[in-house]
Amino acid sequence: MAEEKKDLGREVGRITHYFDKIGVAVIELSGELKVGDTIVVTSHEKEFEQKVDSIQVEHQQVQQARPGDAVGLKVSQPVKEGDMAYLKQV
């Protein structure tokens, strides 16, 4: 029997790097992301959600980012390369 997969929302990107000393993840976006959005980050070990308080692209603060952008995002918990980010549906 197939495992039932819960709806996490729309996929918004994949974690490509994590800077543990400053708690920042780099996410390669596959969807649009805006300040104020809530994301769900998932891995094999855990899942957590958080509000997007700020986004950086090329070391510049931006209010939104588009698919294909690599964004820096402060995360509330450690993440790993390959973890996925989803835009929580309201």
PDB file of N, CA and C in Angstrom:
ATOM      1  N   MET A   1       0.843  -1.176   0.000  1.00  0.00           N
ATOM      2  CA  MET A   1       0.000   0.000   0.000  1.00  0.00           C
ATOM      3  C   MET A   1       0.891   1.244   0.000  1.00  0.00           C
ATOM      4  N   ALA A   2       0.564   2.219  -0.816  1.00  0.00           N
ATOM      5  CA  ALA A   2       1.350   3.444  -0.912  1.00  0.00           C
ATOM      6  C   ALA A   2       1.160   4.291   0.340  1.00  0.00           C
ATOM      7  N   GLU A   3       2.260   4.910   0.755  1.00  0.00           N
ATOM      8  CA  GLU A   3       2.196   5.788   1.921  1.00  0.00           C
ATOM      9  C   GLU A   3       1.460   7.069   1.542  1.00  0.00           C
ATOM     10  N   GLU A   4       0.520   7.483   2.381  1.00  0.00           N
ATOM     11  CA  GLU A   4      -0.239   8.702   2.105  1.00  0.00           C
ATOM     12  C   GLU A   4       0.647   9.916   2.375  1.00  0.00           C
ATOM     13  N   LYS A   5       0.702  10.811   1.420  1.00  0.00           N
ATOM     14  CA  LYS A   5       1.523  12.012   1.549  1.00  0.00           C
ATOM     15  C   LYS A   5       0.612  13.189   1.869  1.00  0.00           C
ATOM     16  N   LYS A   6       0.913  13.888   2.975  1.00  0.00           N
ATOM     17  CA  LYS A   6       0.072  15.023   3.328  1.00  0.00           C
ATOM     18  C   LYS A   6       0.425  16.223   2.456  1.00  0.00           C
ATOM     19  N   ASP A   7      -0.523  17.114   2.318  1.00  0.00           N
ATOM     20  CA  ASP A   7      -0.330  18.295   1.486  1.00  0.00           C
ATOM     21  C   ASP A   7       0.477  19.332   2.260  1.00  0.00           C
ATOM     22  N   LEU A   8       1.700  19.587   1.803  1.00  0.00           N
ATOM     23  CA  LEU A   8       2.570  20.555   2.463  1.00  0.00           C
ATOM     24  C   LEU A   8       2.454  21.938   1.848  1.00  0.00           C
ATOM     25  N   GLY A   9       1.716  22.047   0.758  1.00  0.00           N
ATOM     26  CA  GLY A   9       1.634  23.302   0.027  1.00  0.00           C
ATOM     27  C   GLY A   9       2.380  23.182  -1.284  1.00  0.00           C
ATOM     28  N   ARG A  10       2.593  24.317  -1.932  1.00  0.00           N
ATOM     29  CA  ARG A  10       3.263  24.341  -3.232  1.00  0.00           C
ATOM     30  C   ARG A  10       4.775  24.361  -3.026  1.00  0.00           C
ATOM     31  N   GLU A  11       5.483  23.478  -3.745  1.00  0.00           N
ATOM     32  CA  GLU A  11       6.943  23.459  -3.643  1.00  0.00           C
ATOM     33  C   GLU A  11       7.494  24.812  -4.078  1.00  0.00           C
ATOM     34  N   VAL A  12       8.404  25.352  -3.253  1.00  0.00           N
ATOM     35  CA  VAL A  12       8.969  26.661  -3.569  1.00  0.00           C
ATOM     36  C   VAL A  12      10.478  26.590  -3.797  1.00  0.00           C
ATOM     37  N   GLY A  13      11.134  25.500  -3.352  1.00  0.00           N
ATOM     38  CA  GLY A  13      12.565  25.398  -3.609  1.00  0.00           C
ATOM     39  C   GLY A  13      13.258  24.299  -2.832  1.00  0.00           C
ATOM     40  N   ARG A  14      14.565  24.169  -3.138  1.00  0.00           N
ATOM     41  CA  ARG A  14      15.412  23.147  -2.513  1.00  0.00           C
ATOM     42  C   ARG A  14      16.588  23.850  -1.831  1.00  0.00           C
ATOM     43  N   ILE A  15      16.933  23.380  -0.625  1.00  0.00           N
ATOM     44  CA  ILE A  15      18.078  23.917   0.102  1.00  0.00           C
ATOM     45  C   ILE A  15      19.356  23.457  -0.610  1.00  0.00           C
ATOM     46  N   THR A  16      20.217  24.417  -0.954  1.00  0.00           N
ATOM     47  CA  THR A  16      21.472  24.071  -1.617  1.00  0.00           C
ATOM     48  C   THR A  16      22.682  24.288  -0.717  1.00  0.00           C
ATOM     49  N   HIS A  17      22.517  25.044   0.366  1.00  0.00           N
ATOM     50  CA  HIS A  17      23.621  25.275   1.301  1.00  0.00           C
ATOM     51  C   HIS A  17      23.045  25.768   2.628  1.00  0.00           C
ATOM     52  N   TYR A  18      23.796  25.515   3.713  1.00  0.00           N
ATOM     53  CA  TYR A  18      23.389  26.005   5.028  1.00  0.00           C
ATOM     54  C   TYR A  18      24.615  26.551   5.750  1.00  0.00           C
ATOM     55  N   PHE A  19      24.524  27.786   6.203  1.00  0.00           N
ATOM     56  CA  PHE A  19      25.585  28.419   6.981  1.00  0.00           C
ATOM     57  C   PHE A  19      25.213  28.291   8.452  1.00  0.00           C
ATOM     58  N   ASP A  20      25.771  27.269   9.127  1.00  0.00           N
ATOM     59  CA  ASP A  20      25.337  26.960  10.487  1.00  0.00           C
ATOM     60  C   ASP A  20      25.689  28.049  11.493  1.00  0.00           C
ATOM     61  N   LYS A  21      26.795  28.760  11.314  1.00  0.00           N
ATOM     62  CA  LYS A  21      27.179  29.783  12.298  1.00  0.00           C
ATOM     63  C   LYS A  21      26.195  30.943  12.342  1.00  0.00           C
ATOM     64  N   ILE A  22      25.557  31.238  11.212  1.00  0.00           N
ATOM     65  CA  ILE A  22      24.609  32.362  11.184  1.00  0.00           C
ATOM     66  C   ILE A  22      23.164  31.912  10.976  1.00  0.00           C
ATOM     67  N   GLY A  23      22.942  30.593  10.816  1.00  0.00           N
ATOM     68  CA  GLY A  23      21.585  30.063  10.690  1.00  0.00           C
ATOM     69  C   GLY A  23      20.874  30.494   9.425  1.00  0.00           C
ATOM     70  N   VAL A  24      21.626  30.551   8.313  1.00  0.00           N
ATOM     71  CA  VAL A  24      21.054  30.982   7.042  1.00  0.00           C
ATOM     72  C   VAL A  24      21.118  29.846   6.026  1.00  0.00           C
ATOM     73  N   ALA A  25      20.002  29.632   5.344  1.00  0.00           N
ATOM     74  CA  ALA A  25      19.929  28.632   4.280  1.00  0.00           C
ATOM     75  C   ALA A  25      19.913  29.335   2.936  1.00  0.00           C
ATOM     76  N   VAL A  26      20.541  28.701   1.942  1.00  0.00           N
ATOM     77  CA  VAL A  26      20.428  29.157   0.560  1.00  0.00           C
ATOM     78  C   VAL A  26      19.418  28.240  -0.110  1.00  0.00           C
ATOM     79  N   ILE A  27      18.392  28.832  -0.704  1.00  0.00           N
ATOM     80  CA  ILE A  27      17.332  28.067  -1.361  1.00  0.00           C
ATOM     81  C   ILE A  27      17.302  28.437  -2.834  1.00  0.00           C
ATOM     82  N   GLU A  28      17.410  27.425  -3.696  1.00  0.00           N
ATOM     83  CA  GLU A  28      17.248  27.614  -5.137  1.00  0.00           C
ATOM     84  C   GLU A  28      15.747  27.549  -5.394  1.00  0.00           C
ATOM     85  N   LEU A  29      15.154  28.675  -5.757  1.00  0.00           N
ATOM     86  CA  LEU A  29      13.697  28.758  -5.861  1.00  0.00           C
ATOM     87  C   LEU A  29      13.151  28.115  -7.133  1.00  0.00           C
ATOM     88  N   SER A  30      12.053  27.403  -6.949  1.00  0.00           N
ATOM     89  CA  SER A  30      11.287  26.862  -8.079  1.00  0.00           C
ATOM     90  C   SER A  30       9.930  27.558  -8.163  1.00  0.00           C
ATOM     91  N   GLY A  31       9.668  28.447  -7.212  1.00  0.00           N
ATOM     92  CA  GLY A  31       8.430  29.223  -7.176  1.00  0.00           C
ATOM     93  C   GLY A  31       8.704  30.580  -6.557  1.00  0.00           C
ATOM     94  N   GLU A  32       7.740  31.479  -6.659  1.00  0.00           N
ATOM     95  CA  GLU A  32       7.897  32.824  -6.093  1.00  0.00           C
ATOM     96  C   GLU A  32       7.815  32.768  -4.572  1.00  0.00           C
ATOM     97  N   LEU A  33       8.599  33.616  -3.910  1.00  0.00           N
ATOM     98  CA  LEU A  33       8.616  33.705  -2.455  1.00  0.00           C
ATOM     99  C   LEU A  33       8.638  35.176  -2.066  1.00  0.00           C
ATOM    100  N   LYS A  34       7.818  35.538  -1.054  1.00  0.00           N
ATOM    101  CA  LYS A  34       7.729  36.930  -0.613  1.00  0.00           C
ATOM    102  C   LYS A  34       7.930  37.013   0.896  1.00  0.00           C
ATOM    103  N   VAL A  35       8.424  38.158   1.350  1.00  0.00           N
ATOM    104  CA  VAL A  35       8.490  38.431   2.782  1.00  0.00           C
ATOM    105  C   VAL A  35       7.057  38.377   3.314  1.00  0.00           C
ATOM    106  N   GLY A  36       6.870  37.694   4.438  1.00  0.00           N
ATOM    107  CA  GLY A  36       5.542  37.530   5.021  1.00  0.00           C
ATOM    108  C   GLY A  36       4.933  36.167   4.747  1.00  0.00           C
ATOM    109  N   ASP A  37       5.448  35.461   3.714  1.00  0.00           N
ATOM    110  CA  ASP A  37       4.974  34.099   3.433  1.00  0.00           C
ATOM    111  C   ASP A  37       5.367  33.172   4.573  1.00  0.00           C
ATOM    112  N   THR A  38       4.663  32.068   4.698  1.00  0.00           N
ATOM    113  CA  THR A  38       5.039  31.013   5.636  1.00  0.00           C
ATOM    114  C   THR A  38       5.485  29.814   4.821  1.00  0.00           C
ATOM    115  N   ILE A  39       6.663  29.281   5.169  1.00  0.00           N
ATOM    116  CA  ILE A  39       7.172  28.102   4.471  1.00  0.00           C
ATOM    117  C   ILE A  39       7.213  26.909   5.416  1.00  0.00           C
ATOM    118  N   VAL A  40       7.164  25.727   4.826  1.00  0.00           N
ATOM    119  CA  VAL A  40       7.350  24.472   5.544  1.00  0.00           C
ATOM    120  C   VAL A  40       8.618  23.854   4.978  1.00  0.00           C
ATOM    121  N   VAL A  41       9.600  23.574   5.846  1.00  0.00           N
ATOM    122  CA  VAL A  41      10.849  22.941   5.423  1.00  0.00           C
ATOM    123  C   VAL A  41      10.795  21.486   5.858  1.00  0.00           C
ATOM    124  N   THR A  42      11.080  20.574   4.920  1.00  0.00           N
ATOM    125  CA  THR A  42      10.994  19.149   5.221  1.00  0.00           C
ATOM    126  C   THR A  42      12.289  18.437   4.869  1.00  0.00           C
ATOM    127  N   SER A  43      12.561  17.387   5.635  1.00  0.00           N
ATOM    128  CA  SER A  43      13.664  16.473   5.354  1.00  0.00           C
ATOM    129  C   SER A  43      13.186  15.089   5.760  1.00  0.00           C
ATOM    130  N   HIS A  44      14.076  14.113   5.683  1.00  0.00           N
ATOM    131  CA  HIS A  44      13.702  12.763   6.111  1.00  0.00           C
ATOM    132  C   HIS A  44      13.508  12.704   7.624  1.00  0.00           C
ATOM    133  N   GLU A  45      14.219  13.579   8.354  1.00  0.00           N
ATOM    134  CA  GLU A  45      14.192  13.525   9.814  1.00  0.00           C
ATOM    135  C   GLU A  45      13.150  14.421  10.466  1.00  0.00           C
ATOM    136  N   LYS A  46      12.824  15.537   9.822  1.00  0.00           N
ATOM    137  CA  LYS A  46      11.960  16.507  10.510  1.00  0.00           C
ATOM    138  C   LYS A  46      11.201  17.375   9.529  1.00  0.00           C
ATOM    139  N   GLU A  47      10.335  18.185  10.107  1.00  0.00           N
ATOM    140  CA  GLU A  47       9.542  19.156   9.350  1.00  0.00           C
ATOM    141  C   GLU A  47       9.250  20.317  10.293  1.00  0.00           C
ATOM    142  N   PHE A  48       9.402  21.536   9.793  1.00  0.00           N
ATOM    143  CA  PHE A  48       9.036  22.696  10.604  1.00  0.00           C
ATOM    144  C   PHE A  48       8.540  23.802   9.689  1.00  0.00           C
ATOM    145  N   GLU A  49       7.785  24.711  10.276  1.00  0.00           N
ATOM    146  CA  GLU A  49       7.311  25.848   9.489  1.00  0.00           C
ATOM    147  C   GLU A  49       7.760  27.140  10.142  1.00  0.00           C
ATOM    148  N   GLN A  50       7.889  28.162   9.312  1.00  0.00           N
ATOM    149  CA  GLN A  50       8.284  29.470   9.820  1.00  0.00           C
ATOM    150  C   GLN A  50       7.867  30.551   8.846  1.00  0.00           C
ATOM    151  N   LYS A  51       7.737  31.748   9.381  1.00  0.00           N
ATOM    152  CA  LYS A  51       7.410  32.921   8.570  1.00  0.00           C
ATOM    153  C   LYS A  51       8.699  33.458   7.949  1.00  0.00           C
ATOM    154  N   VAL A  52       8.603  33.930   6.721  1.00  0.00           N
ATOM    155  CA  VAL A  52       9.742  34.539   6.028  1.00  0.00           C
ATOM    156  C   VAL A  52       9.816  36.005   6.461  1.00  0.00           C
ATOM    157  N   ASP A  53      10.836  36.334   7.260  1.00  0.00           N
ATOM    158  CA  ASP A  53      10.993  37.698   7.767  1.00  0.00           C
ATOM    159  C   ASP A  53      11.830  38.567   6.839  1.00  0.00           C
ATOM    160  N   SER A  54      12.767  37.951   6.115  1.00  0.00           N
ATOM    161  CA  SER A  54      13.594  38.703   5.172  1.00  0.00           C
ATOM    162  C   SER A  54      14.149  37.749   4.126  1.00  0.00           C
ATOM    163  N   ILE A  55      14.452  38.304   2.962  1.00  0.00           N
ATOM    164  CA  ILE A  55      15.022  37.541   1.850  1.00  0.00           C
ATOM    165  C   ILE A  55      16.194  38.344   1.308  1.00  0.00           C
ATOM    166  N   GLN A  56      17.299  37.655   1.019  1.00  0.00           N
ATOM    167  CA  GLN A  56      18.427  38.306   0.362  1.00  0.00           C
ATOM    168  C   GLN A  56      18.729  37.610  -0.958  1.00  0.00           C
ATOM    169  N   VAL A  57      18.992  38.411  -1.985  1.00  0.00           N
ATOM    170  CA  VAL A  57      19.463  37.923  -3.275  1.00  0.00           C
ATOM    171  C   VAL A  57      20.736  38.704  -3.579  1.00  0.00           C
ATOM    172  N   GLU A  58      21.847  37.990  -3.779  1.00  0.00           N
ATOM    173  CA  GLU A  58      23.142  38.649  -4.035  1.00  0.00           C
ATOM    174  C   GLU A  58      23.464  39.683  -2.951  1.00  0.00           C
ATOM    175  N   HIS A  59      23.227  39.319  -1.690  1.00  0.00           N
ATOM    176  CA  HIS A  59      23.527  40.151  -0.518  1.00  0.00           C
ATOM    177  C   HIS A  59      22.689  41.427  -0.437  1.00  0.00           C
ATOM    178  N   GLN A  60      21.600  41.492  -1.194  1.00  0.00           N
ATOM    179  CA  GLN A  60      20.698  42.643  -1.157  1.00  0.00           C
ATOM    180  C   GLN A  60      19.341  42.207  -0.610  1.00  0.00           C
ATOM    181  N   GLN A  61      18.789  42.993   0.321  1.00  0.00           N
ATOM    182  CA  GLN A  61      17.452  42.707   0.840  1.00  0.00           C
ATOM    183  C   GLN A  61      16.434  42.936  -0.269  1.00  0.00           C
ATOM    184  N   VAL A  62      15.522  41.979  -0.439  1.00  0.00           N
ATOM    185  CA  VAL A  62      14.441  42.119  -1.411  1.00  0.00           C
ATOM    186  C   VAL A  62      13.128  41.734  -0.736  1.00  0.00           C
ATOM    187  N   GLN A  63      12.016  42.188  -1.294  1.00  0.00           N
ATOM    188  CA  GLN A  63      10.697  41.864  -0.752  1.00  0.00           C
ATOM    189  C   GLN A  63      10.136  40.588  -1.353  1.00  0.00           C
ATOM    190  N   GLN A  64      10.596  40.236  -2.556  1.00  0.00           N
ATOM    191  CA  GLN A  64      10.152  38.989  -3.176  1.00  0.00           C
ATOM    192  C   GLN A  64      11.231  38.490  -4.114  1.00  0.00           C
ATOM    193  N   ALA A  65      11.184  37.189  -4.399  1.00  0.00           N
ATOM    194  CA  ALA A  65      12.145  36.567  -5.305  1.00  0.00           C
ATOM    195  C   ALA A  65      11.383  35.633  -6.233  1.00  0.00           C
ATOM    196  N   ARG A  66      11.989  35.364  -7.381  1.00  0.00           N
ATOM    197  CA  ARG A  66      11.326  34.599  -8.443  1.00  0.00           C
ATOM    198  C   ARG A  66      11.985  33.240  -8.655  1.00  0.00           C
ATOM    199  N   PRO A  67      11.283  32.345  -9.350  1.00  0.00           N
ATOM    200  CA  PRO A  67      11.882  31.048  -9.679  1.00  0.00           C
ATOM    201  C   PRO A  67      13.235  31.238 -10.366  1.00  0.00           C
ATOM    202  N   GLY A  68      14.208  30.427  -9.956  1.00  0.00           N
ATOM    203  CA  GLY A  68      15.555  30.514 -10.505  1.00  0.00           C
ATOM    204  C   GLY A  68      16.503  31.316  -9.630  1.00  0.00           C
ATOM    205  N   ASP A  69      15.949  32.169  -8.739  1.00  0.00           N
ATOM    206  CA  ASP A  69      16.794  32.935  -7.824  1.00  0.00           C
ATOM    207  C   ASP A  69      17.350  32.014  -6.744  1.00  0.00           C
ATOM    208  N   ALA A  70      18.584  32.286  -6.316  1.00  0.00           N
ATOM    209  CA  ALA A  70      19.167  31.633  -5.141  1.00  0.00           C
ATOM    210  C   ALA A  70      19.074  32.662  -4.023  1.00  0.00           C
ATOM    211  N   VAL A  71      18.275  32.367  -3.008  1.00  0.00           N
ATOM    212  CA  VAL A  71      18.013  33.337  -1.946  1.00  0.00           C
ATOM    213  C   VAL A  71      18.623  32.892  -0.626  1.00  0.00           C
ATOM    214  N   GLY A  72      19.030  33.868   0.170  1.00  0.00           N
ATOM    215  CA  GLY A  72      19.467  33.620   1.528  1.00  0.00           C
ATOM    216  C   GLY A  72      18.303  33.885   2.457  1.00  0.00           C
ATOM    217  N   LEU A  73      18.074  32.945   3.366  1.00  0.00           N
ATOM    218  CA  LEU A  73      16.915  33.025   4.249  1.00  0.00           C
ATOM    219  C   LEU A  73      17.320  32.556   5.641  1.00  0.00           C
ATOM    220  N   LYS A  74      17.084  33.386   6.644  1.00  0.00           N
ATOM    221  CA  LYS A  74      17.343  32.991   8.030  1.00  0.00           C
ATOM    222  C   LYS A  74      16.333  31.909   8.400  1.00  0.00           C
ATOM    223  N   VAL A  75      16.831  30.786   8.940  1.00  0.00           N
ATOM    224  CA  VAL A  75      15.931  29.695   9.320  1.00  0.00           C
ATOM    225  C   VAL A  75      16.013  29.449  10.822  1.00  0.00           C
ATOM    226  N   SER A  76      14.900  28.998  11.385  1.00  0.00           N
ATOM    227  CA  SER A  76      14.798  28.832  12.833  1.00  0.00           C
ATOM    228  C   SER A  76      15.414  27.533  13.331  1.00  0.00           C
ATOM    229  N   GLN A  77      15.679  26.585  12.416  1.00  0.00           N
ATOM    230  CA  GLN A  77      16.274  25.301  12.778  1.00  0.00           C
ATOM    231  C   GLN A  77      17.325  24.928  11.734  1.00  0.00           C
ATOM    232  N   PRO A  78      18.316  24.121  12.128  1.00  0.00           N
ATOM    233  CA  PRO A  78      19.310  23.678  11.147  1.00  0.00           C
ATOM    234  C   PRO A  78      18.656  22.880  10.017  1.00  0.00           C
ATOM    235  N   VAL A  79      19.193  23.047   8.811  1.00  0.00           N
ATOM    236  CA  VAL A  79      18.706  22.323   7.636  1.00  0.00           C
ATOM    237  C   VAL A  79      19.900  21.701   6.925  1.00  0.00           C
ATOM    238  N   LYS A  80      19.609  20.853   5.934  1.00  0.00           N
ATOM    239  CA  LYS A  80      20.665  20.188   5.171  1.00  0.00           C
ATOM    240  C   LYS A  80      20.437  20.398   3.687  1.00  0.00           C
ATOM    241  N   GLU A  81      21.526  20.280   2.921  1.00  0.00           N
ATOM    242  CA  GLU A  81      21.403  20.304   1.464  1.00  0.00           C
ATOM    243  C   GLU A  81      20.400  19.250   1.039  1.00  0.00           C
ATOM    244  N   GLY A  82      19.526  19.606   0.124  1.00  0.00           N
ATOM    245  CA  GLY A  82      18.531  18.654  -0.374  1.00  0.00           C
ATOM    246  C   GLY A  82      17.192  18.740   0.330  1.00  0.00           C
ATOM    247  N   ASP A  83      17.144  19.379   1.515  1.00  0.00           N
ATOM    248  CA  ASP A  83      15.848  19.582   2.171  1.00  0.00           C
ATOM    249  C   ASP A  83      14.976  20.431   1.249  1.00  0.00           C
ATOM    250  N   MET A  84      13.672  20.269   1.357  1.00  0.00           N
ATOM    251  CA  MET A  84      12.734  20.968   0.484  1.00  0.00           C
ATOM    252  C   MET A  84      11.964  22.029   1.261  1.00  0.00           C
ATOM    253  N   ALA A  85      11.598  23.094   0.554  1.00  0.00           N
ATOM    254  CA  ALA A  85      10.783  24.163   1.137  1.00  0.00           C
ATOM    255  C   ALA A  85       9.482  24.263   0.352  1.00  0.00           C
ATOM    256  N   TYR A  86       8.382  24.388   1.085  1.00  0.00           N
ATOM    257  CA  TYR A  86       7.047  24.494   0.491  1.00  0.00           C
ATOM    258  C   TYR A  86       6.389  25.763   0.999  1.00  0.00           C
ATOM    259  N   LEU A  87       5.597  26.389   0.148  1.00  0.00           N
ATOM    260  CA  LEU A  87       4.827  27.562   0.532  1.00  0.00           C
ATOM    261  C   LEU A  87       3.541  27.077   1.175  1.00  0.00           C
ATOM    262  N   LYS A  88       3.358  27.410   2.451  1.00  0.00           N
ATOM    263  CA  LYS A  88       2.164  26.961   3.164  1.00  0.00           C
ATOM    264  C   LYS A  88       0.937  27.647   2.584  1.00  0.00           C
ATOM    265  N   GLN A  89      -0.077  26.853   2.293  1.00  0.00           N
ATOM    266  CA  GLN A  89      -1.333  27.380   1.764  1.00  0.00           C
ATOM    267  C   GLN A  89      -2.188  27.867   2.920  1.00  0.00           C
ATOM    268  N   VAL A  90      -2.776  29.035   2.761  1.00  0.00           N
ATOM    269  CA  VAL A  90      -3.587  29.628   3.835  1.00  0.00           C
ATOM    270  C   VAL A  90      -5.019  29.197   3.704  1.00  0.00           C
TER     271      VAL A  90
END
